[in-house]
């Protein structure tokens, strides 16, 4: 058996054979035509980012020798998640599923109905001539953020005013000090009860 190497992709080659023995060479066989398969497509690159202000995932990819692309999505967990891609709704599961195919190099996916805390996975592959397909890109993972926890209310400030009685000729300093001390103690009791 003969082996031929270094053939070009998508090229037709004609082969024929003949026998040799001690009596000499035979006539050539009828030629057969063989076409080599297309060259494998390179793996495309994929970028995904969450647009928090619009509730969408922006996807963008690049590839060489590609006529069209296929985008696939999946999600973690037992709960299917709803997304809208190119105006069509899709139900995502842990198994990758095609949600879009076409020639564009970027699309957005509406994830407004996806549960907060969910994790989505995106991948893309290219399609070329004669139904050739590239390997899938590296998988990109997007986590849908949970809403921020509401802020705890600030503790209420308690303001107490202690007003000393004006000094009069008939009130001694000791009596005034005792009145201020009693007011201070009453204020302290109020603070303890509020906490």
Protein backbone atom coordinates (compact mmCIF):
# COMPACT_ATOMS: atom_id res chain seq x y z
CA UNK A 1 0.00 0.00 0.00
CA UNK A 2 1.35 3.40 -0.96
CA UNK A 3 0.80 6.53 1.08
CA UNK A 4 0.79 10.05 -0.37
CA UNK A 5 1.38 13.02 1.92
CA UNK A 6 1.55 16.82 1.76
CA UNK A 7 -1.63 17.14 -0.29
CA UNK A 8 -3.48 20.45 -0.49
CA UNK A 9 -6.95 20.75 1.06
CA UNK A 10 -10.01 20.76 -1.22
CA UNK A 11 -7.96 19.60 -4.21
CA UNK A 12 -8.79 16.79 -6.62
CA UNK A 13 -5.96 14.36 -7.43
CA UNK A 14 -6.02 11.63 -10.13
CA UNK A 15 -4.27 8.35 -9.34
CA UNK A 16 -3.48 5.32 -11.47
CA UNK A 17 -1.37 2.24 -10.83
CA UNK A 18 0.49 -0.45 -12.77
CA UNK A 19 2.16 -3.74 -11.83
CA UNK A 20 5.77 -4.67 -12.26
CA UNK A 21 7.12 -8.24 -12.27
CA UNK A 22 9.80 -10.33 -14.00
CA UNK A 23 7.82 -10.23 -17.27
CA UNK A 24 7.70 -6.42 -17.26
CA UNK A 25 5.13 -3.72 -16.57
CA UNK A 26 1.39 -3.92 -17.02
CA UNK A 27 -0.82 -1.26 -18.53
CA UNK A 28 -1.94 1.58 -16.22
CA UNK A 29 -5.24 1.18 -14.46
CA UNK A 30 -8.08 3.55 -15.15
CA UNK A 31 -7.46 6.77 -13.20
CA UNK A 32 -9.48 7.43 -10.07
CA UNK A 33 -10.17 10.93 -8.82
CA UNK A 34 -9.83 11.67 -5.11
CA UNK A 35 -10.65 15.04 -3.52
CA UNK A 36 -9.01 15.93 -0.25
CA UNK A 37 -11.15 17.29 2.59
CA UNK A 38 -11.12 20.99 3.44
CA UNK A 39 -8.54 22.28 5.86
CA UNK A 40 -9.75 22.38 9.46
CA UNK A 41 -11.06 25.75 10.53
CA UNK A 42 -9.22 27.53 13.32
CA UNK A 43 -10.94 27.89 16.68
CA UNK A 44 -12.73 31.27 16.96
CA UNK A 45 -12.24 33.56 19.94
CA UNK A 46 -15.22 34.68 22.02
CA UNK A 47 -15.75 37.57 24.43
CA UNK A 48 -18.84 37.96 26.63
CA UNK A 49 -19.67 40.72 29.09
CA UNK A 50 -22.71 41.58 31.16
CA UNK A 51 -24.28 44.96 30.46
CA UNK A 52 -25.83 45.64 33.88
CA UNK A 53 -27.65 48.78 32.75
CA UNK A 54 -29.63 46.92 30.03
CA UNK A 55 -29.89 43.37 31.43
CA UNK A 56 -28.09 41.91 28.40
CA UNK A 57 -24.99 39.89 27.62
CA UNK A 58 -22.89 41.36 24.80
CA UNK A 59 -21.10 38.66 22.79
CA UNK A 60 -18.40 39.19 20.19
CA UNK A 61 -16.26 36.69 18.29
CA UNK A 62 -13.60 36.37 15.60
CA UNK A 63 -12.52 33.55 13.33
CA UNK A 64 -10.66 32.97 10.04
CA UNK A 65 -11.95 31.14 6.97
CA UNK A 66 -15.47 31.12 8.39
CA UNK A 67 -18.70 31.74 6.47
CA UNK A 68 -21.06 31.76 9.47
CA UNK A 69 -21.15 31.18 13.21
CA UNK A 70 -23.20 29.21 15.72
CA UNK A 71 -23.64 30.46 19.32
CA UNK A 72 -24.55 28.00 22.07
CA UNK A 73 -25.62 28.68 25.68
CA UNK A 74 -26.22 26.62 28.80
CA UNK A 75 -26.85 27.31 32.49
CA UNK A 76 -25.92 25.73 35.81
CA UNK A 77 -28.43 24.20 38.18
CA UNK A 78 -31.75 22.44 38.02
CA UNK A 79 -33.85 25.48 37.14
CA UNK A 80 -34.11 26.25 33.40
CA UNK A 81 -33.46 29.91 32.60
CA UNK A 82 -35.23 32.07 30.01
CA UNK A 83 -33.23 34.25 27.60
CA UNK A 84 -34.11 36.12 24.42
CA UNK A 85 -31.66 36.00 21.54
CA UNK A 86 -32.26 37.83 18.27
CA UNK A 87 -35.91 38.36 19.29
CA UNK A 88 -36.57 34.65 19.95
CA UNK A 89 -37.07 33.17 23.44
CA UNK A 90 -35.01 30.18 24.55
CA UNK A 91 -35.10 27.96 27.62
CA UNK A 92 -31.58 27.15 28.83
CA UNK A 93 -30.61 23.93 30.62
CA UNK A 94 -27.23 22.49 31.71
CA UNK A 95 -26.85 21.05 28.16
CA UNK A 96 -25.49 23.44 25.54
CA UNK A 97 -28.07 24.41 22.90
CA UNK A 98 -27.82 26.55 19.78
CA UNK A 99 -29.53 29.89 20.33
CA UNK A 100 -28.25 31.73 17.26
CA UNK A 101 -26.52 31.20 13.91
CA UNK A 102 -25.59 33.71 11.22
CA UNK A 103 -22.84 35.83 9.75
CA UNK A 104 -22.74 38.68 12.30
CA UNK A 105 -19.70 38.98 14.55
CA UNK A 106 -21.58 40.25 17.62
CA UNK A 107 -25.04 39.96 19.16
CA UNK A 108 -26.70 40.70 22.50
CA UNK A 109 -28.68 38.26 24.59
CA UNK A 110 -31.46 39.54 26.86
CA UNK A 111 -31.08 37.95 30.29
CA UNK A 112 -33.60 40.10 32.19
CA UNK A 113 -35.68 37.00 33.07
CA UNK A 114 -32.71 34.98 34.35
CA UNK A 115 -32.76 34.41 38.11
CA UNK A 116 -30.20 36.46 40.06
CA UNK A 117 -27.18 34.37 41.02
CA UNK A 118 -27.55 32.11 37.96
CA UNK A 119 -24.48 31.12 35.97
CA UNK A 120 -24.63 31.04 32.16
CA UNK A 121 -22.06 29.56 29.76
CA UNK A 122 -21.44 30.73 26.17
CA UNK A 123 -19.43 29.17 23.34
CA UNK A 124 -19.22 29.70 19.58
CA UNK A 125 -17.97 27.77 16.57
CA UNK A 126 -17.49 28.66 12.94
CA UNK A 127 -18.87 27.01 9.81
CA UNK A 128 -17.04 27.09 6.51
CA UNK A 129 -17.42 25.72 3.02
CA UNK A 130 -18.55 22.13 2.48
CA UNK A 131 -20.05 21.95 6.00
CA UNK A 132 -16.71 22.21 7.74
CA UNK A 133 -16.91 23.30 11.35
CA UNK A 134 -14.31 24.68 13.70
CA UNK A 135 -13.79 23.47 17.23
CA UNK A 136 -15.81 25.38 19.84
CA UNK A 137 -14.23 28.45 21.38
CA UNK A 138 -13.21 28.43 25.01
CA UNK A 139 -16.35 28.60 27.14
CA UNK A 140 -17.11 32.00 28.66
CA UNK A 141 -18.97 32.10 31.99
CA UNK A 142 -21.25 34.93 33.10
CA UNK A 143 -22.82 35.21 36.56
CA UNK A 144 -26.05 37.17 36.80
CA UNK A 145 -25.56 39.37 39.90
CA UNK A 146 -27.86 39.33 42.86
CA UNK A 147 -29.44 42.67 43.73
CA UNK A 148 -27.65 44.52 46.51
CA UNK A 149 -28.94 43.94 50.02
CA UNK A 150 -30.94 46.88 51.34
CA UNK A 151 -28.93 49.06 53.67
CA UNK A 152 -29.70 48.70 57.34
CA UNK A 153 -31.35 51.80 58.78
CA UNK A 154 -29.01 54.07 60.68
CA UNK A 155 -29.53 54.07 64.43
CA UNK A 156 -31.69 56.90 65.62
CA UNK A 157 -29.81 59.57 67.51
CA UNK A 158 -31.26 60.61 70.82
CA UNK A 159 -30.57 64.13 71.88
CA UNK A 160 -31.27 65.15 75.44
CA UNK A 161 -31.04 68.66 76.68
CA UNK A 162 -30.21 69.36 80.27
CA UNK A 163 -30.92 72.86 81.36
CA UNK A 164 -29.58 74.05 84.64
CA UNK A 165 -31.69 76.33 86.72
CA UNK A 166 -30.27 79.82 86.99
CA UNK A 167 -28.36 80.49 90.16
CA UNK A 168 -30.34 82.49 92.63
CA UNK A 169 -29.30 84.00 95.83
CA UNK A 170 -31.35 81.49 97.85
CA UNK A 171 -29.96 78.28 96.11
CA UNK A 172 -26.65 76.92 97.24
CA UNK A 173 -24.04 75.49 94.92
CA UNK A 174 -24.54 72.08 96.47
CA UNK A 175 -28.25 72.10 95.69
CA UNK A 176 -27.54 73.18 92.10
CA UNK A 177 -24.92 70.40 91.72
CA UNK A 178 -27.43 67.84 93.09
CA UNK A 179 -30.08 69.01 90.58
CA UNK A 180 -27.65 68.69 87.64
CA UNK A 181 -26.48 65.26 88.87
CA UNK A 182 -30.10 64.03 89.12
CA UNK A 183 -30.85 65.30 85.60
CA UNK A 184 -27.71 63.52 84.30
CA UNK A 185 -28.73 60.24 85.97
CA UNK A 186 -32.25 60.50 84.50
CA UNK A 187 -30.73 61.05 81.04
CA UNK A 188 -28.49 57.96 81.50
CA UNK A 189 -31.50 55.82 82.43
CA UNK A 190 -33.34 57.00 79.28
CA UNK A 191 -30.35 56.06 77.11
CA UNK A 192 -30.10 52.60 78.63
CA UNK A 193 -33.82 51.99 78.07
CA UNK A 194 -33.57 53.10 74.42
CA UNK A 195 -30.78 50.66 73.66
